[in-house]
Protein backbone atom coordinates (compact mmCIF):
# COMPACT_ATOMS: atom_id res chain seq x y z
CA MET A 1 -74.70 -21.04 17.22
CA SER A 2 -71.75 -18.67 17.23
CA ASN A 3 -68.44 -19.32 18.98
CA TYR A 4 -68.06 -15.63 19.83
CA HIS A 5 -68.93 -14.34 23.26
CA VAL A 6 -68.94 -10.91 24.80
CA GLU A 7 -66.76 -9.96 27.75
CA SER A 8 -67.72 -7.34 30.24
CA VAL A 9 -66.06 -4.00 29.71
CA ASP A 10 -64.59 -4.06 33.19
CA LYS A 11 -62.70 -7.31 32.55
CA PRO A 12 -59.06 -7.09 31.35
CA GLN A 13 -59.74 -9.44 28.41
CA ALA A 14 -62.01 -6.89 26.76
CA LEU A 15 -60.08 -5.00 24.07
CA THR A 16 -61.92 -1.73 24.10
CA LYS A 17 -60.67 1.35 22.22
CA GLU A 18 -59.13 2.60 25.45
CA ALA A 19 -57.33 -0.72 26.05
CA LEU A 20 -55.90 -0.81 22.49
CA LYS A 21 -54.75 2.78 22.79
CA SER A 22 -53.08 1.96 26.09
CA LEU A 23 -51.25 -0.97 24.52
CA ARG A 24 -50.00 1.18 21.65
CA ASN A 25 -48.67 3.88 23.99
CA HIS A 26 -47.17 1.44 26.45
CA PRO A 27 -43.34 1.39 26.13
CA VAL A 28 -41.88 -1.78 24.62
CA GLN A 29 -40.11 -4.00 27.12
CA GLY A 30 -36.46 -4.68 26.11
CA MET A 31 -35.15 -3.84 22.61
CA SER A 32 -37.55 -3.68 19.71
CA ARG A 33 -36.78 -5.30 16.36
CA ARG A 34 -36.49 -1.90 14.73
CA ARG A 35 -34.04 -0.62 17.32
CA LEU A 36 -31.98 -3.82 17.07
CA LEU A 37 -31.72 -3.35 13.30
CA ARG A 38 -30.65 0.28 13.72
CA VAL A 39 -28.03 -0.56 16.35
CA SER A 40 -26.62 -3.42 14.25
CA LEU A 41 -26.43 -1.27 11.11
CA GLY A 42 -24.84 1.63 12.99
CA GLY A 43 -22.30 -0.67 14.64
CA GLY A 44 -21.34 -2.19 11.30
CA ILE A 45 -20.82 1.22 9.70
CA ALA A 46 -18.79 2.42 12.69
CA LEU A 47 -16.55 -0.67 12.51
CA TRP A 48 -16.01 -0.17 8.77
CA LEU A 49 -15.12 3.50 9.26
CA THR A 50 -12.68 2.58 12.04
CA GLU A 51 -10.93 0.03 9.83
CA MET A 52 -10.73 2.51 6.94
CA ALA A 53 -9.31 5.22 9.20
CA GLY A 54 -6.74 2.79 10.63
CA GLY A 55 -5.62 1.74 7.16
CA PHE A 56 -5.38 5.36 5.99
CA LEU A 57 -3.29 6.38 8.99
CA ASN A 58 -1.03 3.36 8.60
CA LEU A 59 -0.38 4.21 4.95
CA PHE A 60 -0.05 7.98 5.01
CA TRP A 61 0.61 9.25 8.56
CA PRO A 62 4.28 10.05 9.19
CA ASN A 63 5.95 7.99 11.89
CA LEU A 64 7.92 10.43 14.03
CA GLU A 65 10.11 7.71 15.56
CA GLY A 66 12.08 6.72 12.48
CA GLY A 67 9.45 4.64 10.71
CA PHE A 68 7.93 5.02 7.28
CA GLY A 69 7.00 8.64 6.60
CA ASP A 70 10.03 10.00 8.44
CA ALA A 71 12.18 12.56 6.65
CA ARG A 72 15.32 10.64 7.67
CA PHE A 73 14.90 6.88 7.42
CA LYS A 74 18.21 5.06 7.86
CA ILE A 75 19.01 2.29 5.37
CA GLY A 76 22.73 1.89 6.07
CA THR A 77 25.76 1.33 3.87
CA LEU A 78 25.89 -0.87 0.79
CA GLU A 79 27.54 -3.56 2.91
CA ASP A 80 24.63 -3.36 5.36
CA VAL A 81 22.16 -3.85 2.50
CA LYS A 82 24.15 -6.78 1.13
CA LEU A 83 24.24 -8.40 4.57
CA LYS A 84 20.48 -8.08 5.11
CA ALA A 85 19.71 -9.33 1.60
CA SER A 86 22.38 -12.03 1.57
CA THR A 87 20.44 -14.43 -0.66
CA ILE A 88 20.09 -12.05 -3.63
CA PRO A 89 22.80 -10.53 -5.91
CA VAL A 90 22.65 -6.93 -4.71
CA ALA A 91 26.23 -6.35 -5.90
CA SER A 92 25.12 -7.15 -9.46
CA GLY A 93 22.44 -4.47 -9.40
CA PHE A 94 19.52 -6.63 -8.34
CA PRO A 95 16.94 -4.69 -6.23
CA ALA A 96 17.01 -5.34 -2.48
CA TYR A 97 13.69 -4.99 -0.67
CA VAL A 98 13.63 -3.11 2.66
CA ALA A 99 10.23 -3.78 4.19
CA ASP A 100 10.33 -1.11 6.92
CA ALA A 101 11.11 1.57 4.33
CA ARG A 102 8.60 0.13 1.81
CA ALA A 103 11.34 0.51 -0.74
CA PHE A 104 13.58 -1.32 -3.19
CA ILE A 105 17.24 -0.26 -2.93
CA VAL A 106 19.26 -0.77 -6.11
CA LEU A 107 22.73 0.18 -7.35
CA VAL A 108 22.62 2.38 -10.42
CA ASP A 109 26.07 1.26 -11.65
CA PRO A 110 27.10 -2.10 -10.18
CA ALA A 111 30.68 -1.53 -11.35
CA ARG A 112 31.00 1.04 -8.56
CA GLN A 113 30.50 -0.93 -5.35
CA ALA A 114 29.52 1.95 -3.05
CA PHE A 115 26.89 4.54 -2.29
CA LEU A 116 28.44 7.93 -3.14
CA PRO A 117 28.06 10.87 -0.71
CA GLY A 118 25.61 13.58 -1.65
CA GLU A 119 21.95 14.55 -1.66
CA ASP A 120 19.24 13.86 -4.24
CA ALA A 121 15.91 15.58 -3.63
CA GLN A 122 14.26 14.04 -6.71
CA GLY A 123 15.34 10.46 -6.17
CA ASP A 124 17.05 9.83 -9.52
CA GLY A 125 20.11 8.58 -7.67
CA THR A 126 22.62 8.61 -10.55
CA ALA A 127 25.05 10.91 -8.70
CA LEU A 128 24.73 8.81 -5.53
CA ASN A 129 24.93 5.47 -7.39
CA VAL A 130 21.76 4.28 -5.67
CA ARG A 131 18.04 4.55 -6.31
CA ALA A 132 15.22 3.91 -3.82
CA LEU A 133 11.95 2.86 -5.43
CA TYR A 134 8.60 3.06 -3.65
CA GLN A 135 7.12 -0.43 -3.41
CA ARG A 136 3.74 0.48 -4.94
CA CYS A 137 2.95 -0.16 -8.59
CA PRO A 138 1.69 3.17 -10.06
CA HIS A 139 -1.24 1.33 -11.64
CA LEU A 140 -3.34 0.21 -8.65
CA GLY A 141 -0.85 -0.05 -5.80
CA CYS A 142 0.20 -3.71 -5.83
CA LYS A 143 3.79 -4.59 -4.92
CA PRO A 144 6.01 -5.52 -7.90
CA ASN A 145 8.47 -8.37 -7.35
CA PRO A 146 12.05 -8.51 -8.66
CA CYS A 147 12.62 -11.47 -10.99
CA LEU A 148 16.01 -13.20 -10.85
CA LYS A 149 15.53 -14.56 -14.35
CA ASN A 150 15.45 -11.19 -16.12
CA TYR A 151 16.43 -8.67 -13.38
CA TRP A 152 13.17 -6.78 -13.93
CA LEU A 153 10.43 -5.88 -11.48
CA GLU A 154 7.08 -7.45 -12.35
CA CYS A 155 3.68 -6.63 -10.87
CA PRO A 156 1.76 -9.84 -10.12
CA CYS A 157 -1.64 -8.11 -10.19
CA HIS A 158 -1.85 -6.77 -13.74
CA GLY A 159 1.50 -7.57 -15.34
CA SER A 160 3.19 -4.16 -15.42
CA ARG A 161 6.94 -4.57 -15.95
CA TYR A 162 9.86 -2.33 -15.01
CA ASP A 163 13.60 -2.61 -15.46
CA ARG A 164 15.74 -3.05 -12.36
CA LEU A 165 15.86 0.75 -11.86
CA GLY A 166 12.08 1.02 -11.94
CA ILE A 167 11.64 2.32 -15.51
CA LYS A 168 8.32 1.16 -16.99
CA ALA A 169 8.54 -0.63 -20.32
CA ALA A 170 6.26 1.00 -22.90
CA GLY A 171 3.68 -1.09 -24.71
CA ALA A 172 0.45 -2.91 -23.88
CA GLN A 173 2.32 -6.22 -23.57
CA TYR A 174 4.21 -4.76 -20.59
CA GLY A 175 1.15 -3.95 -18.53
CA PRO A 176 -1.12 -0.95 -17.86
CA ALA A 177 0.94 1.19 -15.43
CA PRO A 178 0.97 4.81 -16.71
CA ARG A 179 4.49 5.66 -15.53
CA SER A 180 7.65 4.27 -13.99
CA MET A 181 7.93 3.41 -10.30
CA ASP A 182 8.02 6.35 -7.89
CA ARG A 183 11.21 7.30 -6.02
CA PHE A 184 12.28 8.55 -2.61
CA ALA A 185 14.52 11.54 -1.97
CA MET A 186 17.88 10.42 -0.54
CA THR A 187 21.00 11.48 1.27
CA VAL A 188 24.28 9.56 1.50
CA GLU A 189 26.61 10.62 4.29
CA ALA A 190 30.40 10.80 3.98
CA ASP A 191 30.74 7.31 5.48
CA GLY A 192 28.42 5.84 2.81
CA THR A 193 25.34 5.57 5.01
CA LEU A 194 22.13 5.94 3.01
CA TYR A 195 19.11 7.79 4.40
CA LEU A 196 15.75 8.01 2.66
CA ASN A 197 13.25 10.81 3.00
CA THR A 198 10.14 8.61 2.99
CA SER A 199 7.94 11.66 3.46
CA LYS A 200 8.96 12.88 -0.03
CA ILE A 201 8.01 10.76 -3.06
CA THR A 202 8.76 11.83 -6.63
CA LEU A 203 6.55 10.41 -9.39
CA GLY A 204 8.35 8.14 -11.84
CA PRO A 205 8.93 9.24 -15.45
CA LEU A 206 6.90 8.12 -18.46
CA PRO A 207 7.43 4.61 -19.91
CA VAL A 208 10.29 3.96 -22.33
CA ALA A 209 10.19 1.54 -25.27
CA VAL A 210 12.38 -1.53 -24.89
CA GLY A 211 15.52 -1.09 -26.97
CA GLN A 212 15.57 2.68 -26.56
CA PRO A 213 18.03 4.59 -24.33
CA GLY A 214 16.78 4.99 -20.78
CA ILE A 215 15.62 1.44 -20.09
CA ILE A 216 17.78 -1.60 -19.25
CA PRO A 217 16.94 -4.61 -21.43
CA PRO A 218 15.86 -7.77 -19.59
CA LYS A 219 18.49 -10.47 -19.12
CA SER A 220 16.01 -13.06 -20.37
CA PRO A 221 13.17 -12.88 -22.91
CA THR A 222 10.88 -14.50 -20.35
CA GLY A 223 10.17 -13.38 -16.83
CA CYS A 224 8.67 -14.78 -13.66
CA ILE A 225 4.97 -14.11 -14.34
């Protein structure tokens, strides 16, 4: 004896062709699984794009109110820099980090305790006795750190090393960066106040072999990394 039984066509339990077709065409109540997946995926992509756009604007968009990216970013006099970086030997030529400018400020010749008036569109800084180095390592963008032991800048990510003026040391043992640290254009007013043009960055020169003219030897054979 079979367990199956037949329902009358006029009863709602009977799944006739017409009833099945009606169920298929009937709109789904609430949100379907497919739509939920689409909405979740779309929301995730939109959030990622928003974060990427925010990071891009923060890095590259000029700040018109005196922030990074401005053509006239005030650093101050050498005494101002010394005061803000009171725990490090700025007067001896050690790089001072200015976070708002994303720059290292360093005396070219420590024997001359002043920023000299003038303008330097390429950022070399010799005539002004000051150089402003962009904080990004030219390899992959990490931030090099000045080392008190040897007075060099050392990248903690991949080991690229630069003298205190940002010149890359040539050789595989000194890391993979393809050039020296990049520089900002600068102006020093008559009163010794330093201004950076953080909207203008000049690429650093090619690496120099240690012991050759153009690179300052480290004060110690070992560094901080």
